[in-house]
C-alpha atoms as a PDB file:
ATOM      1  CA  UNK A   1     -40.105 -84.256 -10.195  1.00  0.00           C
ATOM      2  CA  UNK A   2     -42.541 -82.790  -7.680  1.00  0.00           C
ATOM      3  CA  UNK A   3     -45.448 -84.611  -6.017  1.00  0.00           C
ATOM      4  CA  UNK A   4     -48.921 -84.181  -7.511  1.00  0.00           C
ATOM      5  CA  UNK A   5     -51.195 -81.596  -5.937  1.00  0.00           C
ATOM      6  CA  UNK A   6     -54.967 -81.713  -5.549  1.00  0.00           C
ATOM      7  CA  UNK A   7     -55.255 -79.181  -8.376  1.00  0.00           C
ATOM      8  CA  UNK A   8     -53.118 -81.359 -10.657  1.00  0.00           C
ATOM      9  CA  UNK A   9     -55.150 -84.477  -9.839  1.00  0.00           C
ATOM     10  CA  UNK A  10     -58.400 -82.633 -10.554  1.00  0.00           C
ATOM     11  CA  UNK A  11     -57.014 -81.559 -13.924  1.00  0.00           C
ATOM     12  CA  UNK A  12     -56.187 -85.093 -15.133  1.00  0.00           C
ATOM     13  CA  UNK A  13     -58.446 -87.462 -13.146  1.00  0.00           C
ATOM     14  CA  UNK A  14     -62.060 -87.953 -12.152  1.00  0.00           C
ATOM     15  CA  UNK A  15     -62.776 -89.826  -8.913  1.00  0.00           C
ATOM     16  CA  UNK A  16     -66.074 -91.522  -8.074  1.00  0.00           C
ATOM     17  CA  UNK A  17     -66.366 -91.955  -4.270  1.00  0.00           C
ATOM     18  CA  UNK A  18     -69.160 -94.542  -4.586  1.00  0.00           C
ATOM     19  CA  UNK A  19     -67.087 -96.929  -6.733  1.00  0.00           C
ATOM     20  CA  UNK A  20     -63.582 -95.909  -5.681  1.00  0.00           C
ATOM     21  CA  UNK A  21     -62.465 -95.661  -9.294  1.00  0.00           C
ATOM     22  CA  UNK A  22     -60.340 -93.009 -10.937  1.00  0.00           C
ATOM     23  CA  UNK A  23     -60.823 -92.329 -14.661  1.00  0.00           C
ATOM     24  CA  UNK A  24     -58.678 -90.234 -16.960  1.00  0.00           C
ATOM     25  CA  UNK A  25     -59.993 -86.784 -17.903  1.00  0.00           C
ATOM     26  CA  UNK A  26     -57.364 -86.609 -20.649  1.00  0.00           C
ATOM     27  CA  UNK A  27     -55.641 -89.087 -22.932  1.00  0.00           C
ATOM     28  CA  UNK A  28     -52.127 -89.884 -21.695  1.00  0.00           C
ATOM     29  CA  UNK A  29     -49.793 -92.202 -23.566  1.00  0.00           C
ATOM     30  CA  UNK A  30     -51.687 -95.433 -24.221  1.00  0.00           C
ATOM     31  CA  UNK A  31     -54.473 -94.497 -21.752  1.00  0.00           C
ATOM     32  CA  UNK A  32     -57.491 -92.802 -23.304  1.00  0.00           C
ATOM     33  CA  UNK A  33     -59.834 -90.209 -21.859  1.00  0.00           C
ATOM     34  CA  UNK A  34     -62.572 -91.984 -19.875  1.00  0.00           C
ATOM     35  CA  UNK A  35     -60.546 -95.137 -19.215  1.00  0.00           C
ATOM     36  CA  UNK A  36     -60.095 -96.422 -15.678  1.00  0.00           C
ATOM     37  CA  UNK A  37     -56.760 -95.208 -14.293  1.00  0.00           C
ATOM     38  CA  UNK A  38     -54.278 -97.528 -12.652  1.00  0.00           C
ATOM     39  CA  UNK A  39     -53.688-101.218 -12.287  1.00  0.00           C
ATOM     40  CA  UNK A  40     -53.283-103.600  -9.371  1.00  0.00           C
ATOM     41  CA  UNK A  41     -49.826-104.458  -8.078  1.00  0.00           C
ATOM     42  CA  UNK A  42     -48.777-107.905  -6.798  1.00  0.00           C
ATOM     43  CA  UNK A  43     -50.379-107.173  -3.401  1.00  0.00           C
ATOM     44  CA  UNK A  44     -53.708-106.108  -4.891  1.00  0.00           C
ATOM     45  CA  UNK A  45     -53.304-102.347  -4.365  1.00  0.00           C
ATOM     46  CA  UNK A  46     -54.172-100.085  -7.303  1.00  0.00           C
ATOM     47  CA  UNK A  47     -51.290 -97.877  -8.446  1.00  0.00           C
ATOM     48  CA  UNK A  48     -51.575 -94.935 -10.838  1.00  0.00           C
ATOM     49  CA  UNK A  49     -48.674 -93.586 -12.856  1.00  0.00           C
ATOM     50  CA  UNK A  50     -48.060 -89.861 -13.268  1.00  0.00           C
ATOM     51  CA  UNK A  51     -45.166 -87.444 -13.092  1.00  0.00           C
ATOM     52  CA  UNK A  52     -42.728 -90.324 -13.811  1.00  0.00           C
ATOM     53  CA  UNK A  53     -43.740 -92.206 -10.666  1.00  0.00           C
ATOM     54  CA  UNK A  54     -46.531 -94.545  -9.525  1.00  0.00           C
ATOM     55  CA  UNK A  55     -48.734 -93.715  -6.564  1.00  0.00           C
ATOM     56  CA  UNK A  56     -51.067 -95.894  -4.502  1.00  0.00           C
ATOM     57  CA  UNK A  57     -54.613 -94.955  -5.513  1.00  0.00           C
ATOM     58  CA  UNK A  58     -55.828 -94.975  -1.888  1.00  0.00           C
ATOM     59  CA  UNK A  59     -53.353 -92.200  -1.041  1.00  0.00           C
ATOM     60  CA  UNK A  60     -54.370 -90.276  -4.167  1.00  0.00           C
ATOM     61  CA  UNK A  61     -58.018 -90.526  -3.027  1.00  0.00           C
ATOM     62  CA  UNK A  62     -57.039 -88.778   0.194  1.00  0.00           C
ATOM     63  CA  UNK A  63     -55.268 -85.991  -1.681  1.00  0.00           C
ATOM     64  CA  UNK A  64     -58.059 -85.710  -4.265  1.00  0.00           C
ATOM     65  CA  UNK A  65     -60.829 -85.411  -1.643  1.00  0.00           C
ATOM     66  CA  UNK A  66     -59.122 -83.752   1.349  1.00  0.00           C
ATOM     67  CA  UNK A  67     -56.579 -81.586  -0.451  1.00  0.00           C
ATOM     68  CA  UNK A  68     -53.602 -82.967   1.453  1.00  0.00           C
ATOM     69  CA  UNK A  69     -51.440 -86.054   1.550  1.00  0.00           C
ATOM     70  CA  UNK A  70     -52.377 -88.341   4.445  1.00  0.00           C
ATOM     71  CA  UNK A  71     -50.139 -87.793   7.454  1.00  0.00           C
ATOM     72  CA  UNK A  72     -50.234 -91.506   8.298  1.00  0.00           C
ATOM     73  CA  UNK A  73     -51.110 -94.751   6.527  1.00  0.00           C
ATOM     74  CA  UNK A  74     -54.441 -95.295   4.771  1.00  0.00           C
ATOM     75  CA  UNK A  75     -56.351 -98.311   6.064  1.00  0.00           C
ATOM     76  CA  UNK A  76     -58.833-100.226   3.911  1.00  0.00           C
ATOM     77  CA  UNK A  77     -61.578-100.825   6.480  1.00  0.00           C
ATOM     78  CA  UNK A  78     -62.911-103.971   4.798  1.00  0.00           C
ATOM     79  CA  UNK A  79     -59.428-105.365   4.177  1.00  0.00           C
ATOM     80  CA  UNK A  80     -59.799-105.374   0.383  1.00  0.00           C
ATOM     81  CA  UNK A  81     -56.755-103.565  -1.046  1.00  0.00           C
ATOM     82  CA  UNK A  82     -58.351-102.480  -4.331  1.00  0.00           C
ATOM     83  CA  UNK A  83     -61.568-101.155  -2.731  1.00  0.00           C
ATOM     84  CA  UNK A  84     -60.835 -97.423  -2.818  1.00  0.00           C
ATOM     85  CA  UNK A  85     -64.333 -96.163  -2.078  1.00  0.00           C
ATOM     86  CA  UNK A  86     -64.082 -93.124   0.185  1.00  0.00           C
ATOM     87  CA  UNK A  87     -66.259 -94.802   2.858  1.00  0.00           C
ATOM     88  CA  UNK A  88     -63.731 -97.682   3.022  1.00  0.00           C
ATOM     89  CA  UNK A  89     -60.643 -95.538   3.679  1.00  0.00           C
ATOM     90  CA  UNK A  90     -59.349 -93.956   6.873  1.00  0.00           C
ATOM     91  CA  UNK A  91     -56.078 -92.627   8.194  1.00  0.00           C
ATOM     92  CA  UNK A  92     -54.345 -95.028  10.575  1.00  0.00           C
ATOM     93  CA  UNK A  93     -51.073 -95.349  12.413  1.00  0.00           C
ATOM     94  CA  UNK A  94     -48.891 -98.352  11.585  1.00  0.00           C
ATOM     95  CA  UNK A  95     -50.139-100.035  14.754  1.00  0.00           C
ATOM     96  CA  UNK A  96     -53.817 -99.343  13.964  1.00  0.00           C
ATOM     97  CA  UNK A  97     -53.375-100.526  10.396  1.00  0.00           C
ATOM     98  CA  UNK A  98     -51.834-103.755  11.713  1.00  0.00           C
ATOM     99  CA  UNK A  99     -54.821-104.367  13.982  1.00  0.00           C
ATOM    100  CA  UNK A 100     -57.146-104.489  10.982  1.00  0.00           C
ATOM    101  CA  UNK A 101     -55.659-107.508   9.267  1.00  0.00           C
ATOM    102  CA  UNK A 102     -56.799-110.645   7.486  1.00  0.00           C
ATOM    103  CA  UNK A 103     -56.388-114.237   8.536  1.00  0.00           C
ATOM    104  CA  UNK A 104     -52.875-115.451   7.906  1.00  0.00           C
ATOM    105  CA  UNK A 105     -52.275-118.058   5.222  1.00  0.00           C
ATOM    106  CA  UNK A 106     -51.169-120.558   7.911  1.00  0.00           C
ATOM    107  CA  UNK A 107     -54.274-120.031  10.093  1.00  0.00           C
ATOM    108  CA  UNK A 108     -55.896-123.421  10.711  1.00  0.00           C
ATOM    109  CA  UNK A 109     -58.794-122.422  12.975  1.00  0.00           C
ATOM    110  CA  UNK A 110     -60.474-120.045  10.558  1.00  0.00           C
ATOM    111  CA  UNK A 111     -60.586-117.405  13.306  1.00  0.00           C
ATOM    112  CA  UNK A 112     -58.141-114.589  13.984  1.00  0.00           C
ATOM    113  CA  UNK A 113     -56.440-115.099  17.356  1.00  0.00           C
ATOM    114  CA  UNK A 114     -57.592-118.696  17.799  1.00  0.00           C
ATOM    115  CA  UNK A 115     -55.072-121.546  17.647  1.00  0.00           C
ATOM    116  CA  UNK A 116     -55.263-125.274  18.378  1.00  0.00           C
ATOM    117  CA  UNK A 117     -53.140-126.638  21.217  1.00  0.00           C
ATOM    118  CA  UNK A 118     -52.157-130.259  20.663  1.00  0.00           C
ATOM    119  CA  UNK A 119     -50.832-130.341  24.234  1.00  0.00           C
ATOM    120  CA  UNK A 120     -54.146-129.454  25.905  1.00  0.00           C
ATOM    121  CA  UNK A 121     -56.501-130.459  23.047  1.00  0.00           C
ATOM    122  CA  UNK A 122     -58.196-127.088  23.377  1.00  0.00           C
ATOM    123  CA  UNK A 123     -58.534-123.871  21.382  1.00  0.00           C
ATOM    124  CA  UNK A 124     -56.322-121.065  22.721  1.00  0.00           C
ATOM    125  CA  UNK A 125     -57.106-117.371  22.324  1.00  0.00           C
ATOM    126  CA  UNK A 126     -53.931-115.353  21.694  1.00  0.00           C
ATOM    127  CA  UNK A 127     -54.015-111.721  20.632  1.00  0.00           C
ATOM    128  CA  UNK A 128     -51.193-109.215  20.306  1.00  0.00           C
ATOM    129  CA  UNK A 129     -52.098-106.337  22.626  1.00  0.00           C
ATOM    130  CA  UNK A 130     -49.860-103.324  23.203  1.00  0.00           C
ATOM    131  CA  UNK A 131     -46.983-105.072  21.435  1.00  0.00           C
ATOM    132  CA  UNK A 132     -47.112-108.314  23.433  1.00  0.00           C
ATOM    133  CA  UNK A 133     -48.846-111.588  22.598  1.00  0.00           C
ATOM    134  CA  UNK A 134     -51.316-112.230  25.426  1.00  0.00           C
ATOM    135  CA  UNK A 135     -53.303-115.382  26.229  1.00  0.00           C
ATOM    136  CA  UNK A 136     -57.015-114.993  26.926  1.00  0.00           C
ATOM    137  CA  UNK A 137     -57.904-118.545  27.896  1.00  0.00           C
ATOM    138  CA  UNK A 138     -58.407-121.981  26.402  1.00  0.00           C
ATOM    139  CA  UNK A 139     -61.715-123.425  25.269  1.00  0.00           C
ATOM    140  CA  UNK A 140     -63.148-126.775  24.192  1.00  0.00           C
ATOM    141  CA  UNK A 141     -65.545-125.037  21.806  1.00  0.00           C
ATOM    142  CA  UNK A 142     -64.035-123.202  18.814  1.00  0.00           C
ATOM    143  CA  UNK A 143     -67.028-120.859  18.486  1.00  0.00           C
ATOM    144  CA  UNK A 144     -66.639-119.715  22.109  1.00  0.00           C
ATOM    145  CA  UNK A 145     -62.914-119.173  21.526  1.00  0.00           C
ATOM    146  CA  UNK A 146     -63.703-117.154  18.389  1.00  0.00           C
ATOM    147  CA  UNK A 147     -66.227-115.044  20.329  1.00  0.00           C
ATOM    148  CA  UNK A 148     -63.699-114.338  23.093  1.00  0.00           C
ATOM    149  CA  UNK A 149     -61.036-113.385  20.514  1.00  0.00           C
ATOM    150  CA  UNK A 150     -63.499-111.054  18.797  1.00  0.00           C
ATOM    151  CA  UNK A 151     -64.455-109.391  22.103  1.00  0.00           C
ATOM    152  CA  UNK A 152     -60.767-108.937  23.003  1.00  0.00           C
ATOM    153  CA  UNK A 153     -60.112-107.244  19.643  1.00  0.00           C
ATOM    154  CA  UNK A 154     -63.164-104.990  20.110  1.00  0.00           C
ATOM    155  CA  UNK A 155     -62.003-104.009  23.608  1.00  0.00           C
ATOM    156  CA  UNK A 156     -58.383-103.287  22.707  1.00  0.00           C
ATOM    157  CA  UNK A 157     -58.583-102.288  19.034  1.00  0.00           C
ATOM    158  CA  UNK A 158     -61.865-100.332  18.997  1.00  0.00           C
ATOM    159  CA  UNK A 159     -62.785 -99.128  15.515  1.00  0.00           C
ATOM    160  CA  UNK A 160     -59.718-100.902  14.104  1.00  0.00           C
ATOM    161  CA  UNK A 161     -60.927-104.361  15.178  1.00  0.00           C
ATOM    162  CA  UNK A 162     -61.312-106.331  11.949  1.00  0.00           C
ATOM    163  CA  UNK A 163     -65.052-106.804  11.511  1.00  0.00           C
ATOM    164  CA  UNK A 164     -64.656-107.782   7.844  1.00  0.00           C
ATOM    165  CA  UNK A 165     -63.144-111.211   8.438  1.00  0.00           C
ATOM    166  CA  UNK A 166     -64.738-114.086   6.659  1.00  0.00           C
ATOM    167  CA  UNK A 167     -63.967-117.215   8.610  1.00  0.00           C
ATOM    168  CA  UNK A 168     -63.154-120.553   7.081  1.00  0.00           C
ATOM    169  CA  UNK A 169     -65.604-123.354   7.721  1.00  0.00           C
ATOM    170  CA  UNK A 170     -64.108-125.599  10.412  1.00  0.00           C
ATOM    171  CA  UNK A 171     -65.573-128.061  12.844  1.00  0.00           C
ATOM    172  CA  UNK A 172     -65.686-127.634  16.609  1.00  0.00           C
ATOM    173  CA  UNK A 173     -62.674-129.864  17.105  1.00  0.00           C
ATOM    174  CA  UNK A 174     -59.546-130.835  15.241  1.00  0.00           C
END
């Protein structure tokens, strides 16, 4: 089966750029005209079924609005995988997409690129830059370490530096 085209999408779906939601223009199977199209997968991305396949909604947004499939990945600027508002989506290389990431589940500092060193009893700033993990100093104060890590990401990652991170509440020492 062939890939959907912009014309096909426009014939079966409505897209609202302000909310990021697709709705059905036509009834299809159990989905009724006017219903929200798609459902979230295990990773939180919305997927929409058509033409015997499911498609990530963020890629369908690109096709729907720009008339072409994205040539690279689509990055959710705010890091929320089901937020498909047009203003929250941008094309990104794999490397750029990886720069704009959330805190890992095992992060204990609450700050991206900041880790506690038991050996020195200080906060270390470590950021992956140009494919290599690089140290950017050690600090007694976690807030200073977080600021340095943020400035490093801004310098090296530019617009792909994750500005959406919500940090966990942690004290100045561990």
